[in-house]
C-alpha atoms as a PDB file:
ATOM      1  CA  MET A   1     -58.699  31.138 -96.637  1.00  0.00           C
ATOM      2  CA  ALA A   2     -59.356  27.501 -95.716  1.00  0.00           C
ATOM      3  CA  LYS A   3     -59.251  28.402 -92.014  1.00  0.00           C
ATOM      4  CA  ASN A   4     -62.088  30.899 -92.462  1.00  0.00           C
ATOM      5  CA  LEU A   5     -64.308  28.224 -94.022  1.00  0.00           C
ATOM      6  CA  LYS A   6     -63.849  25.799 -91.135  1.00  0.00           C
ATOM      7  CA  LYS A   7     -65.523  28.060 -88.557  1.00  0.00           C
ATOM      8  CA  PRO A   8     -68.826  28.537 -90.440  1.00  0.00           C
ATOM      9  CA  VAL A   9     -68.964  24.834 -91.351  1.00  0.00           C
ATOM     10  CA  GLY A  10     -68.312  23.829 -87.737  1.00  0.00           C
ATOM     11  CA  ALA A  11     -70.934  26.266 -86.482  1.00  0.00           C
ATOM     12  CA  MET A  12     -73.421  24.907 -89.029  1.00  0.00           C
ATOM     13  CA  CYS A  13     -72.764  21.326 -87.872  1.00  0.00           C
ATOM     14  CA  VAL A  14     -73.367  22.323 -84.248  1.00  0.00           C
ATOM     15  CA  PHE A  15     -76.560  24.173 -85.253  1.00  0.00           C
ATOM     16  CA  LEU A  16     -77.860  21.158 -87.230  1.00  0.00           C
ATOM     17  CA  PHE A  17     -77.052  18.787 -84.351  1.00  0.00           C
ATOM     18  CA  PHE A  18     -79.029  20.832 -81.822  1.00  0.00           C
ATOM     19  CA  SER A  19     -81.863  21.383 -84.312  1.00  0.00           C
ATOM     20  CA  CYS A  20     -82.188  17.605 -84.730  1.00  0.00           C
ATOM     21  CA  LEU A  21     -82.246  17.133 -80.948  1.00  0.00           C
ATOM     22  CA  LEU A  22     -84.967  19.778 -80.619  1.00  0.00           C
ATOM     23  CA  LEU A  23     -87.078  18.208 -83.365  1.00  0.00           C
ATOM     24  CA  GLN A  24     -86.668  14.750 -81.826  1.00  0.00           C
ATOM     25  CA  SER A  25     -87.699  16.163 -78.446  1.00  0.00           C
ATOM     26  CA  ILE A  26     -90.761  17.886 -79.922  1.00  0.00           C
ATOM     27  CA  SER A  27     -91.853  14.770 -81.813  1.00  0.00           C
ATOM     28  CA  ALA A  28     -91.399  12.617 -78.713  1.00  0.00           C
ATOM     29  CA  GLU A  29     -93.691  14.918 -76.695  1.00  0.00           C
ATOM     30  CA  GLY A  30     -96.691  14.249 -78.967  1.00  0.00           C
ATOM     31  CA  SER A  31     -96.096  10.538 -79.165  1.00  0.00           C
ATOM     32  CA  LYS A  32     -96.902   7.516 -77.060  1.00  0.00           C
ATOM     33  CA  ARG A  33     -93.948   5.770 -75.461  1.00  0.00           C
ATOM     34  CA  VAL A  34     -93.754   1.985 -75.785  1.00  0.00           C
ATOM     35  CA  SER A  35     -92.712   0.288 -72.528  1.00  0.00           C
ATOM     36  CA  PHE A  36     -90.481  -2.771 -72.724  1.00  0.00           C
ATOM     37  CA  TRP A  37     -89.840  -5.677 -70.351  1.00  0.00           C
ATOM     38  CA  GLY A  38     -86.992  -8.139 -70.537  1.00  0.00           C
ATOM     39  CA  GLU A  39     -83.211  -8.151 -70.538  1.00  0.00           C
ATOM     40  CA  TRP A  40     -80.880  -6.340 -72.957  1.00  0.00           C
ATOM     41  CA  ARG A  41     -77.253  -6.767 -71.888  1.00  0.00           C
ATOM     42  CA  GLU A  42     -75.610  -6.706 -75.334  1.00  0.00           C
ATOM     43  CA  ASP A  43     -73.019  -9.343 -74.413  1.00  0.00           C
ATOM     44  CA  THR A  44     -71.592  -7.265 -71.546  1.00  0.00           C
ATOM     45  CA  ARG A  45     -70.542  -8.794 -68.261  1.00  0.00           C
ATOM     46  CA  SER A  46     -72.047  -6.127 -66.057  1.00  0.00           C
ATOM     47  CA  ILE A  47     -75.792  -5.734 -65.856  1.00  0.00           C
ATOM     48  CA  SER A  48     -76.963  -2.210 -66.508  1.00  0.00           C
ATOM     49  CA  PRO A  49     -80.369  -1.274 -65.099  1.00  0.00           C
ATOM     50  CA  SER A  50     -81.199   0.882 -68.120  1.00  0.00           C
ATOM     51  CA  ILE A  51     -82.301  -0.473 -71.476  1.00  0.00           C
ATOM     52  CA  PRO A  52     -80.574   1.300 -74.397  1.00  0.00           C
ATOM     53  CA  ILE A  53     -83.665   0.883 -76.580  1.00  0.00           C
ATOM     54  CA  SER A  54     -86.607   3.281 -76.680  1.00  0.00           C
ATOM     55  CA  ALA A  55     -89.697   3.328 -78.875  1.00  0.00           C
ATOM     56  CA  PHE A  56     -92.501   5.777 -79.596  1.00  0.00           C
ATOM     57  CA  ILE A  57     -95.643   5.795 -81.720  1.00  0.00           C
ATOM     58  CA  ASN A  58     -96.502   9.096 -83.357  1.00  0.00           C
ATOM     59  CA  ASP A  59     -99.180   9.525 -86.051  1.00  0.00           C
ATOM     60  CA  GLY A  60     -99.176   5.834 -86.961  1.00  0.00           C
ATOM     61  CA  VAL A  61     -95.395   5.525 -87.169  1.00  0.00           C
ATOM     62  CA  LEU A  62     -93.383   3.409 -84.751  1.00  0.00           C
ATOM     63  CA  SER A  63     -89.881   4.789 -84.080  1.00  0.00           C
ATOM     64  CA  ILE A  64     -87.332   2.549 -82.382  1.00  0.00           C
ATOM     65  CA  HIS A  65     -84.055   4.089 -81.183  1.00  0.00           C
ATOM     66  CA  SER A  66     -80.875   2.402 -79.946  1.00  0.00           C
ATOM     67  CA  SER A  67     -78.447   4.556 -77.981  1.00  0.00           C
ATOM     68  CA  THR A  68     -75.586   2.061 -78.356  1.00  0.00           C
ATOM     69  CA  GLN A  69     -75.882   0.642 -81.887  1.00  0.00           C
ATOM     70  CA  ARG A  70     -74.041  -2.507 -80.693  1.00  0.00           C
ATOM     71  CA  SER A  71     -76.746  -5.032 -81.558  1.00  0.00           C
ATOM     72  CA  ASP A  72     -78.503  -6.213 -84.658  1.00  0.00           C
ATOM     73  CA  ILE A  73     -82.192  -5.981 -83.784  1.00  0.00           C
ATOM     74  CA  THR A  74     -84.886  -8.336 -85.022  1.00  0.00           C
ATOM     75  CA  ILE A  75     -88.262  -6.636 -84.680  1.00  0.00           C
ATOM     76  CA  CYS A  76     -91.407  -8.764 -84.574  1.00  0.00           C
ATOM     77  CA  ILE A  77     -94.935  -7.320 -84.370  1.00  0.00           C
ATOM     78  CA  SER A  78     -97.835  -9.713 -83.880  1.00  0.00           C
ATOM     79  CA  LYS A  79    -101.504  -9.775 -82.966  1.00  0.00           C
ATOM     80  CA  ASP A  80    -103.349 -12.773 -81.529  1.00  0.00           C
ATOM     81  CA  GLY A  81    -100.263 -14.952 -82.116  1.00  0.00           C
ATOM     82  CA  LYS A  82    -100.015 -14.091 -85.832  1.00  0.00           C
ATOM     83  CA  VAL A  83     -96.804 -12.371 -86.994  1.00  0.00           C
ATOM     84  CA  LEU A  84     -97.675  -9.293 -89.061  1.00  0.00           C
ATOM     85  CA  TYR A  85     -94.211  -7.744 -89.373  1.00  0.00           C
ATOM     86  CA  GLU A  86     -90.701  -9.090 -88.885  1.00  0.00           C
ATOM     87  CA  GLU A  87     -87.380  -7.566 -89.924  1.00  0.00           C
ATOM     88  CA  MET A  88     -83.732  -7.744 -88.854  1.00  0.00           C
ATOM     89  CA  ILE A  89     -82.010  -4.354 -88.672  1.00  0.00           C
ATOM     90  CA  PRO A  90     -78.174  -4.325 -88.699  1.00  0.00           C
ATOM     91  CA  ALA A  91     -76.555  -2.642 -85.683  1.00  0.00           C
ATOM     92  CA  SER A  92     -75.218   0.231 -87.782  1.00  0.00           C
ATOM     93  CA  LYS A  93     -78.791   1.260 -88.725  1.00  0.00           C
ATOM     94  CA  THR A  94     -80.495   0.963 -85.323  1.00  0.00           C
ATOM     95  CA  ASP A  95     -80.062   4.586 -84.233  1.00  0.00           C
ATOM     96  CA  CYS A  96     -83.545   5.297 -85.612  1.00  0.00           C
ATOM     97  CA  VAL A  97     -85.781   2.655 -87.186  1.00  0.00           C
ATOM     98  CA  THR A  98     -89.235   3.699 -88.384  1.00  0.00           C
ATOM     99  CA  ILE A  99     -92.115   1.372 -89.192  1.00  0.00           C
ATOM    100  CA  ASP A 100     -95.329   2.611 -90.788  1.00  0.00           C
ATOM    101  CA  LEU A 101     -98.280   1.204 -88.850  1.00  0.00           C
ATOM    102  CA  SER A 102    -100.981   3.121 -90.741  1.00  0.00           C
ATOM    103  CA  GLU A 103    -102.224  -0.066 -92.458  1.00  0.00           C
ATOM    104  CA  PHE A 104    -102.651  -1.860 -89.111  1.00  0.00           C
ATOM    105  CA  GLU A 105    -106.172  -2.033 -87.683  1.00  0.00           C
ATOM    106  CA  SER A 106    -106.815  -0.463 -84.299  1.00  0.00           C
ATOM    107  CA  GLY A 107    -106.153  -2.727 -81.361  1.00  0.00           C
ATOM    108  CA  THR A 108    -103.403  -4.132 -79.173  1.00  0.00           C
ATOM    109  CA  TYR A 109    -100.288  -5.649 -80.735  1.00  0.00           C
ATOM    110  CA  SER A 110     -97.289  -7.397 -79.213  1.00  0.00           C
ATOM    111  CA  ILE A 111     -93.789  -6.268 -80.106  1.00  0.00           C
ATOM    112  CA  GLY A 112     -90.655  -8.300 -79.536  1.00  0.00           C
ATOM    113  CA  LEU A 113     -87.043  -7.245 -80.017  1.00  0.00           C
ATOM    114  CA  LYS A 114     -84.132  -9.723 -80.099  1.00  0.00           C
ATOM    115  CA  ASN A 115     -80.429  -9.331 -80.691  1.00  0.00           C
ATOM    116  CA  GLN A 116     -77.669 -11.723 -81.734  1.00  0.00           C
ATOM    117  CA  TRP A 117     -76.842 -12.539 -78.076  1.00  0.00           C
ATOM    118  CA  ALA A 118     -80.410 -13.762 -77.356  1.00  0.00           C
ATOM    119  CA  ASP A 119     -81.338 -10.648 -75.355  1.00  0.00           C
ATOM    120  CA  CYS A 120     -85.091 -10.064 -75.619  1.00  0.00           C
ATOM    121  CA  LEU A 121     -87.496  -7.219 -74.940  1.00  0.00           C
ATOM    122  CA  TRP A 122     -91.286  -7.372 -75.097  1.00  0.00           C
ATOM    123  CA  GLY A 123     -93.926  -4.691 -75.140  1.00  0.00           C
ATOM    124  CA  GLU A 124     -97.389  -3.802 -76.338  1.00  0.00           C
ATOM    125  CA  LEU A 125     -98.504  -1.345 -78.985  1.00  0.00           C
ATOM    126  CA  PHE A 126    -101.905   0.286 -78.623  1.00  0.00           C
ATOM    127  CA  LEU A 127    -103.226   1.568 -81.942  1.00  0.00           C
ATOM    128  CA  ASN A 128    -106.314   3.746 -82.201  1.00  0.00           C
ATOM    129  CA  GLU A 129    -108.214   4.794 -85.285  1.00  0.00           C
END
């Protein structure tokens, strides 16, 4: 009887996995991508041309995703040199970090990401009313 339960549970896990991917894809389509500049090597010896960090703004929420989850990430958002948000996220929780920007005024903000190996990425957030 235990063997019969494993198949439906496995099928449900596969279904949930692909449903999450579809929802993430749909939400990314309606959002604005944040472009980053800088270097993010994560203490590796080889330099990879791709950055394992992506970010999107959708309905006043900033979502930051790490595809590797190897680095603690310190997120800093500032405007006109004044830090408005700063938080360190442990590596194990960097798969999807969300930050509510609904209280931020419209305008251009700077975003900086740092890890424990001094890798840094910079970008700009454009918020509209």
